[in-house]
Amino acid sequence: MSAWRLEILRLTRTKRWAALVGVYVAFGVLGPLTARYIKEILSRVGTSDGTVITVPDPTPADGMIQFVSNAAQIGTLVVVIVAAGALAFDAIPEMGVFLRTRVSPAWKILVPRLVVSFAAAAGAFVLGTGVAWYETWALLGPPAAGPVLAGAGLGVVFLAFVVALTAAVAQRARSVLGTVMTSLIVLVAMPVLGLAPAFSRWLPTALANALADLPAGGTMHNYWPALGVAVVATVALVGAAFAWSDRREA
């Protein structure tokens, strides 16, 4: 059995694909629903001092905003967990020895796991985006196609960066939990740095918000720096993962 088929079977038979698809599709359904009925929901929420909560009428962009506000956080967490489980193959010493004694060099073990993890994450995200787009169209009106497609493309690039980061961390960490925690710390630290205006446009994490921002009137001009950094960082992280996996074998 080839390494590619083995990795695909591992992803499907363990139902890890269902976690990815379930999260993005669920938020794809709930996001536009929340945007459409938030005004009615809040109007029924009473306050002790009689304060009236007013909410503006929802727009098509609000459906994508609600989708991204949840999917960008929970979805990324699930992507890191699934990718870590595939890429930290040395976490179980017996498995690491088994694989390394049959496949050499070690990057040949990583490539199928890296590609399949990214494909699963990107496919789930695109599917969730399609569900959110359709439901937004049905409930709130059609968002402009160009901004939605551009935002989805930037979101896929962000997921490539996330999987590459997880792959690099997995070659240095000693466990799946360590890989998950370290990767999340890096991803959480980036938005903190983004609070400084000088850094915000250059951070790959900025791409995660593009699907919400572009349909609401944002421009691609704001995302070119982050896109460039994300592409370069992804390539560098994949290279580091390959180098560190071979060094760990030695």
Foldseek 3Di string as FASTA:
>chain_A
DDLLVVLVCVCVVVCLLVVLLVQLQVLLVVQLVCLLCVQVVQQPDADPVRDGDHDDHGALLSLLQSSLVRCLPPNLLSLLLQLLVQQLQCLPVVSVVVVVVPDPPPVSNVVSSLVVSLVSNLVSNVVSLVSSQVVSCVRHNHQDPVQQVVLSVLLSLLSLLLSLQLLLLSLVDNHSVSSSVVSVVVLVVQVVVLVPVVRVLQASSVSSCSNSQRSVPDDCVSNPNNSVNSVVSSVVSSVNSSVSSNVVVD
